[in-house]
């Protein structure tokens, strides 16, 4: 019961935002699209998300993409280039930077472990 009482509780717009991000990881995601989806202004949803979740929307999106990439590296034979493309990272360099900062490993090192 104590664990339930201390679990993170998010507002409906933040939950909707998380769902939207999860459903659109393979495409470009903008604050404007999210704001339209949750029927709030881009600046308000951005502030609300940061306040409740503790990270910015862009950081949250990058982390979720890296987590998805981790699964793809573990459970698929897709090349790193294909994963970068499928997860809509701007380029491999950006992907490597986010991946290494999140996992402490390069994508190749992660796949080999």
N, C-alpha and C. Protein backbone atom coordinates (compact mmCIF):
# COMPACT_ATOMS: atom_id res chain seq x y z
N UNK A 1 0.81 -1.19 0.00
CA UNK A 1 0.00 0.00 0.00
C UNK A 1 0.87 1.27 0.00
N UNK A 2 1.95 1.23 0.78
CA UNK A 2 2.84 2.39 0.81
C UNK A 2 3.42 2.69 -0.56
N UNK A 3 3.76 1.63 -1.31
CA UNK A 3 4.33 1.82 -2.64
C UNK A 3 3.33 2.51 -3.55
N UNK A 4 2.07 2.15 -3.45
CA UNK A 4 1.05 2.81 -4.25
C UNK A 4 0.91 4.27 -3.88
N UNK A 5 1.01 4.57 -2.62
CA UNK A 5 0.86 5.95 -2.16
C UNK A 5 2.00 6.83 -2.64
N UNK A 6 3.18 6.24 -2.85
CA UNK A 6 4.32 7.05 -3.28
C UNK A 6 4.59 6.95 -4.78
N UNK A 7 3.77 6.19 -5.50
CA UNK A 7 3.96 6.06 -6.94
C UNK A 7 3.71 7.40 -7.62
N UNK A 8 4.38 7.60 -8.75
CA UNK A 8 4.19 8.83 -9.50
C UNK A 8 2.76 8.89 -10.02
N UNK A 9 2.13 10.03 -9.79
CA UNK A 9 0.78 10.25 -10.28
C UNK A 9 0.84 11.46 -11.19
N UNK A 10 0.40 11.27 -12.42
CA UNK A 10 0.47 12.33 -13.40
C UNK A 10 -0.93 12.78 -13.79
N UNK A 11 -1.02 14.02 -14.22
CA UNK A 11 -2.29 14.56 -14.69
C UNK A 11 -2.68 13.92 -16.02
N UNK A 12 -3.93 14.05 -16.38
CA UNK A 12 -4.41 13.46 -17.63
C UNK A 12 -3.64 13.99 -18.85
N UNK A 13 -3.39 15.31 -18.96
CA UNK A 13 -2.63 15.79 -20.13
C UNK A 13 -1.22 15.19 -20.21
N UNK A 14 -0.57 14.98 -19.08
CA UNK A 14 0.78 14.41 -19.09
C UNK A 14 0.72 12.93 -19.49
N UNK A 15 -0.26 12.20 -19.00
CA UNK A 15 -0.43 10.80 -19.40
C UNK A 15 -0.73 10.72 -20.90
N UNK A 16 -1.58 11.60 -21.39
CA UNK A 16 -1.89 11.62 -22.82
C UNK A 16 -0.63 11.94 -23.64
N UNK A 17 0.19 12.85 -23.12
CA UNK A 17 1.45 13.21 -23.78
C UNK A 17 2.38 12.01 -23.85
N UNK A 18 2.51 11.29 -22.75
CA UNK A 18 3.36 10.10 -22.72
C UNK A 18 2.85 9.05 -23.73
N UNK A 19 1.54 8.87 -23.77
CA UNK A 19 0.95 7.92 -24.72
C UNK A 19 1.23 8.35 -26.16
N UNK A 20 1.08 9.64 -26.43
CA UNK A 20 1.32 10.17 -27.78
C UNK A 20 2.77 9.92 -28.18
N UNK A 21 3.68 10.20 -27.28
CA UNK A 21 5.10 10.00 -27.57
C UNK A 21 5.37 8.53 -27.85
N UNK A 22 4.86 7.66 -27.02
CA UNK A 22 5.07 6.23 -27.22
C UNK A 22 4.53 5.77 -28.58
N UNK A 23 3.36 6.26 -28.94
CA UNK A 23 2.72 5.86 -30.21
C UNK A 23 3.40 6.45 -31.44
N UNK A 24 4.22 7.50 -31.25
CA UNK A 24 4.82 8.20 -32.40
C UNK A 24 6.35 8.21 -32.36
N UNK A 25 6.96 7.28 -31.65
CA UNK A 25 8.42 7.25 -31.55
C UNK A 25 9.10 7.12 -32.90
N UNK A 26 8.42 6.54 -33.86
CA UNK A 26 9.03 6.30 -35.17
C UNK A 26 8.80 7.45 -36.15
N UNK A 27 8.27 8.54 -35.66
CA UNK A 27 8.07 9.70 -36.53
C UNK A 27 8.52 10.96 -35.80
N UNK A 28 8.54 12.05 -36.52
CA UNK A 28 8.93 13.34 -35.93
C UNK A 28 7.84 13.77 -34.96
N UNK A 29 8.23 14.19 -33.77
CA UNK A 29 7.28 14.64 -32.75
C UNK A 29 7.60 16.09 -32.40
N UNK A 30 6.58 16.95 -32.46
CA UNK A 30 6.79 18.35 -32.10
C UNK A 30 5.89 18.70 -30.91
N UNK A 31 6.30 19.72 -30.17
CA UNK A 31 5.48 20.20 -29.06
C UNK A 31 4.11 20.67 -29.56
N UNK A 32 4.09 21.25 -30.75
CA UNK A 32 2.82 21.73 -31.31
C UNK A 32 1.86 20.58 -31.54
N UNK A 33 2.36 19.47 -32.10
CA UNK A 33 1.50 18.30 -32.32
C UNK A 33 0.98 17.74 -30.99
N UNK A 34 1.86 17.66 -30.01
CA UNK A 34 1.45 17.18 -28.69
C UNK A 34 0.40 18.11 -28.10
N UNK A 35 0.65 19.40 -28.19
CA UNK A 35 -0.28 20.38 -27.63
C UNK A 35 -1.66 20.27 -28.28
N UNK A 36 -1.68 20.10 -29.60
CA UNK A 36 -2.96 19.92 -30.29
C UNK A 36 -3.65 18.66 -29.81
N UNK A 37 -2.89 17.61 -29.63
CA UNK A 37 -3.45 16.32 -29.19
C UNK A 37 -4.09 16.43 -27.81
N UNK A 38 -3.46 17.17 -26.90
CA UNK A 38 -3.98 17.29 -25.54
C UNK A 38 -4.82 18.55 -25.34
N UNK A 39 -5.00 19.32 -26.40
CA UNK A 39 -5.83 20.54 -26.38
C UNK A 39 -5.33 21.59 -25.38
N UNK A 40 -4.01 21.78 -25.37
CA UNK A 40 -3.40 22.82 -24.54
C UNK A 40 -2.38 23.56 -25.39
N UNK A 41 -1.90 24.69 -24.90
CA UNK A 41 -0.89 25.42 -25.65
C UNK A 41 0.45 24.71 -25.53
N UNK A 42 1.32 24.86 -26.54
CA UNK A 42 2.63 24.21 -26.48
C UNK A 42 3.44 24.61 -25.25
N UNK A 43 3.42 25.88 -24.89
CA UNK A 43 4.21 26.31 -23.73
C UNK A 43 3.65 25.74 -22.43
N UNK A 44 2.32 25.66 -22.33
CA UNK A 44 1.73 25.13 -21.09
C UNK A 44 2.02 23.64 -20.93
N UNK A 45 1.83 22.85 -21.99
CA UNK A 45 2.08 21.41 -21.86
C UNK A 45 3.56 21.16 -21.59
N UNK A 46 4.42 21.96 -22.18
CA UNK A 46 5.86 21.82 -21.94
C UNK A 46 6.19 22.08 -20.47
N UNK A 47 5.65 23.15 -19.91
CA UNK A 47 5.89 23.48 -18.49
C UNK A 47 5.28 22.43 -17.56
N UNK A 48 4.05 22.01 -17.86
CA UNK A 48 3.36 21.02 -17.04
C UNK A 48 4.12 19.69 -17.05
N UNK A 49 4.56 19.28 -18.22
CA UNK A 49 5.30 18.02 -18.34
C UNK A 49 6.59 18.08 -17.53
N UNK A 50 7.34 19.15 -17.67
CA UNK A 50 8.60 19.31 -16.94
C UNK A 50 8.35 19.32 -15.43
N UNK A 51 7.29 19.98 -15.00
CA UNK A 51 6.96 20.07 -13.59
C UNK A 51 6.62 18.69 -13.01
N UNK A 52 5.82 17.92 -13.73
CA UNK A 52 5.35 16.63 -13.21
C UNK A 52 6.35 15.50 -13.41
N UNK A 53 7.02 15.47 -14.55
CA UNK A 53 7.90 14.36 -14.88
C UNK A 53 9.34 14.64 -14.45
N UNK A 54 9.72 15.91 -14.46
CA UNK A 54 11.06 16.27 -14.02
C UNK A 54 12.08 16.42 -15.13
N UNK A 55 11.65 16.16 -16.38
CA UNK A 55 12.52 16.36 -17.54
C UNK A 55 11.72 17.05 -18.64
N UNK A 56 12.44 17.67 -19.56
CA UNK A 56 11.76 18.35 -20.66
C UNK A 56 11.17 17.32 -21.62
N UNK A 57 10.25 17.78 -22.44
CA UNK A 57 9.65 16.91 -23.45
C UNK A 57 10.71 16.33 -24.37
N UNK A 58 11.63 17.17 -24.83
CA UNK A 58 12.65 16.69 -25.77
C UNK A 58 13.55 15.64 -25.14
N UNK A 59 13.90 15.82 -23.88
CA UNK A 59 14.72 14.83 -23.18
C UNK A 59 13.95 13.52 -23.01
N UNK A 60 12.68 13.63 -22.64
CA UNK A 60 11.84 12.44 -22.46
C UNK A 60 11.73 11.66 -23.77
N UNK A 61 11.51 12.38 -24.86
CA UNK A 61 11.41 11.73 -26.18
C UNK A 61 12.71 11.03 -26.52
N UNK A 62 13.83 11.71 -26.31
CA UNK A 62 15.14 11.10 -26.62
C UNK A 62 15.39 9.86 -25.77
N UNK A 63 15.04 9.91 -24.50
CA UNK A 63 15.24 8.76 -23.61
C UNK A 63 14.37 7.58 -24.07
N UNK A 64 13.13 7.85 -24.43
CA UNK A 64 12.25 6.77 -24.89
C UNK A 64 12.75 6.18 -26.20
N UNK A 65 13.30 7.01 -27.06
CA UNK A 65 13.87 6.50 -28.31
C UNK A 65 15.11 5.64 -28.04
N UNK A 66 15.93 6.05 -27.11
CA UNK A 66 17.12 5.27 -26.76
C UNK A 66 16.69 3.94 -26.14
N UNK A 67 15.69 3.95 -25.27
CA UNK A 67 15.20 2.70 -24.68
C UNK A 67 14.67 1.76 -25.76
N UNK A 68 13.98 2.32 -26.74
CA UNK A 68 13.49 1.51 -27.85
C UNK A 68 14.66 0.98 -28.67
N UNK A 69 15.66 1.82 -28.89
CA UNK A 69 16.86 1.39 -29.62
C UNK A 69 17.56 0.25 -28.88
N UNK A 70 17.59 0.31 -27.57
CA UNK A 70 18.20 -0.77 -26.79
C UNK A 70 17.50 -2.10 -27.10
N UNK A 71 16.18 -2.08 -27.12
CA UNK A 71 15.43 -3.30 -27.43
C UNK A 71 15.71 -3.76 -28.86
N UNK A 72 15.78 -2.81 -29.77
CA UNK A 72 16.05 -3.16 -31.17
C UNK A 72 17.45 -3.76 -31.32
N UNK A 73 18.41 -3.23 -30.59
CA UNK A 73 19.76 -3.76 -30.65
C UNK A 73 19.83 -5.17 -30.06
N UNK A 74 19.05 -5.42 -29.01
CA UNK A 74 19.04 -6.73 -28.37
C UNK A 74 18.30 -7.77 -29.19
N UNK A 75 17.16 -7.39 -29.72
CA UNK A 75 16.24 -8.38 -30.26
C UNK A 75 16.03 -8.35 -31.78
N UNK A 76 16.83 -7.56 -32.47
CA UNK A 76 16.71 -7.54 -33.93
C UNK A 76 18.09 -7.57 -34.57
N UNK A 77 18.10 -7.81 -35.84
CA UNK A 77 19.35 -7.79 -36.60
C UNK A 77 19.48 -6.51 -37.42
N UNK A 78 18.66 -5.52 -37.11
CA UNK A 78 18.74 -4.26 -37.84
C UNK A 78 20.10 -3.60 -37.60
N UNK A 79 20.61 -2.97 -38.63
CA UNK A 79 21.87 -2.24 -38.47
C UNK A 79 21.61 -0.98 -37.65
N UNK A 80 22.67 -0.42 -37.11
CA UNK A 80 22.54 0.82 -36.34
C UNK A 80 21.97 1.92 -37.22
N UNK A 81 22.41 1.96 -38.46
CA UNK A 81 21.89 2.96 -39.40
C UNK A 81 20.37 2.81 -39.58
N UNK A 82 19.90 1.57 -39.70
CA UNK A 82 18.46 1.33 -39.85
C UNK A 82 17.70 1.75 -38.59
N UNK A 83 18.27 1.48 -37.43
CA UNK A 83 17.63 1.87 -36.17
C UNK A 83 17.54 3.38 -36.07
N UNK A 84 18.62 4.06 -36.43
CA UNK A 84 18.63 5.53 -36.42
C UNK A 84 17.51 6.07 -37.30
N UNK A 85 17.37 5.49 -38.47
CA UNK A 85 16.34 5.91 -39.41
C UNK A 85 14.94 5.61 -38.87
N UNK A 86 14.73 4.40 -38.36
CA UNK A 86 13.41 3.99 -37.87
C UNK A 86 12.95 4.82 -36.68
N UNK A 87 13.90 5.25 -35.85
CA UNK A 87 13.55 6.03 -34.67
C UNK A 87 13.62 7.53 -34.90
N UNK A 88 13.83 7.91 -36.15
CA UNK A 88 13.76 9.31 -36.56
C UNK A 88 14.76 10.21 -35.83
N UNK A 89 15.95 9.69 -35.57
CA UNK A 89 17.02 10.56 -35.07
C UNK A 89 17.54 11.35 -36.26
N UNK A 90 17.98 12.59 -36.04
CA UNK A 90 18.46 13.42 -37.16
C UNK A 90 19.62 12.79 -37.92
N UNK A 91 20.53 12.15 -37.19
CA UNK A 91 21.68 11.47 -37.82
C UNK A 91 22.32 10.53 -36.81
N UNK A 92 23.29 9.74 -37.28
CA UNK A 92 23.93 8.76 -36.41
C UNK A 92 24.71 9.41 -35.28
N UNK A 93 25.30 10.56 -35.53
CA UNK A 93 26.09 11.25 -34.52
C UNK A 93 25.21 11.63 -33.32
N UNK A 94 24.05 12.18 -33.59
CA UNK A 94 23.12 12.56 -32.51
C UNK A 94 22.68 11.31 -31.75
N UNK A 95 22.37 10.25 -32.50
CA UNK A 95 21.97 8.99 -31.88
C UNK A 95 23.06 8.46 -30.96
N UNK A 96 24.29 8.41 -31.45
CA UNK A 96 25.40 7.92 -30.64
C UNK A 96 25.55 8.74 -29.35
N UNK A 97 25.44 10.06 -29.47
CA UNK A 97 25.58 10.95 -28.31
C UNK A 97 24.52 10.63 -27.26
N UNK A 98 23.26 10.59 -27.68
CA UNK A 98 22.18 10.30 -26.74
C UNK A 98 22.31 8.89 -26.16
N UNK A 99 22.62 7.93 -27.02
CA UNK A 99 22.72 6.54 -26.57
C UNK A 99 23.82 6.39 -25.53
N UNK A 100 24.99 6.94 -25.82
CA UNK A 100 26.12 6.80 -24.89
C UNK A 100 25.85 7.54 -23.59
N UNK A 101 25.22 8.71 -23.65
CA UNK A 101 24.95 9.45 -22.42
C UNK A 101 23.90 8.73 -21.56
N UNK A 102 23.01 8.00 -22.19
CA UNK A 102 21.96 7.29 -21.45
C UNK A 102 22.43 5.93 -20.92
N UNK A 103 23.26 5.22 -21.70
CA UNK A 103 23.63 3.85 -21.33
C UNK A 103 25.08 3.71 -20.87
N UNK A 104 25.91 4.68 -21.23
CA UNK A 104 27.34 4.58 -20.92
C UNK A 104 28.11 3.74 -21.92
N UNK A 105 27.41 3.24 -22.94
CA UNK A 105 28.02 2.42 -23.97
C UNK A 105 27.66 2.95 -25.34
N UNK A 106 28.49 2.63 -26.32
CA UNK A 106 28.10 2.93 -27.70
C UNK A 106 27.07 1.88 -28.12
N UNK A 107 26.30 2.14 -29.16
CA UNK A 107 25.35 1.12 -29.63
C UNK A 107 26.03 -0.21 -29.97
N UNK A 108 27.20 -0.17 -30.57
CA UNK A 108 27.92 -1.40 -30.91
C UNK A 108 28.32 -2.17 -29.66
N UNK A 109 28.84 -1.45 -28.69
CA UNK A 109 29.22 -2.10 -27.42
C UNK A 109 27.99 -2.72 -26.74
N UNK A 110 26.88 -1.98 -26.76
CA UNK A 110 25.65 -2.48 -26.15
C UNK A 110 25.18 -3.77 -26.82
N UNK A 111 25.21 -3.78 -28.14
CA UNK A 111 24.76 -4.97 -28.89
C UNK A 111 25.66 -6.17 -28.59
N UNK A 112 26.96 -5.93 -28.42
CA UNK A 112 27.90 -7.02 -28.20
C UNK A 112 27.86 -7.59 -26.77
N UNK A 113 27.27 -6.87 -25.85
CA UNK A 113 27.20 -7.36 -24.46
C UNK A 113 26.05 -8.30 -24.26
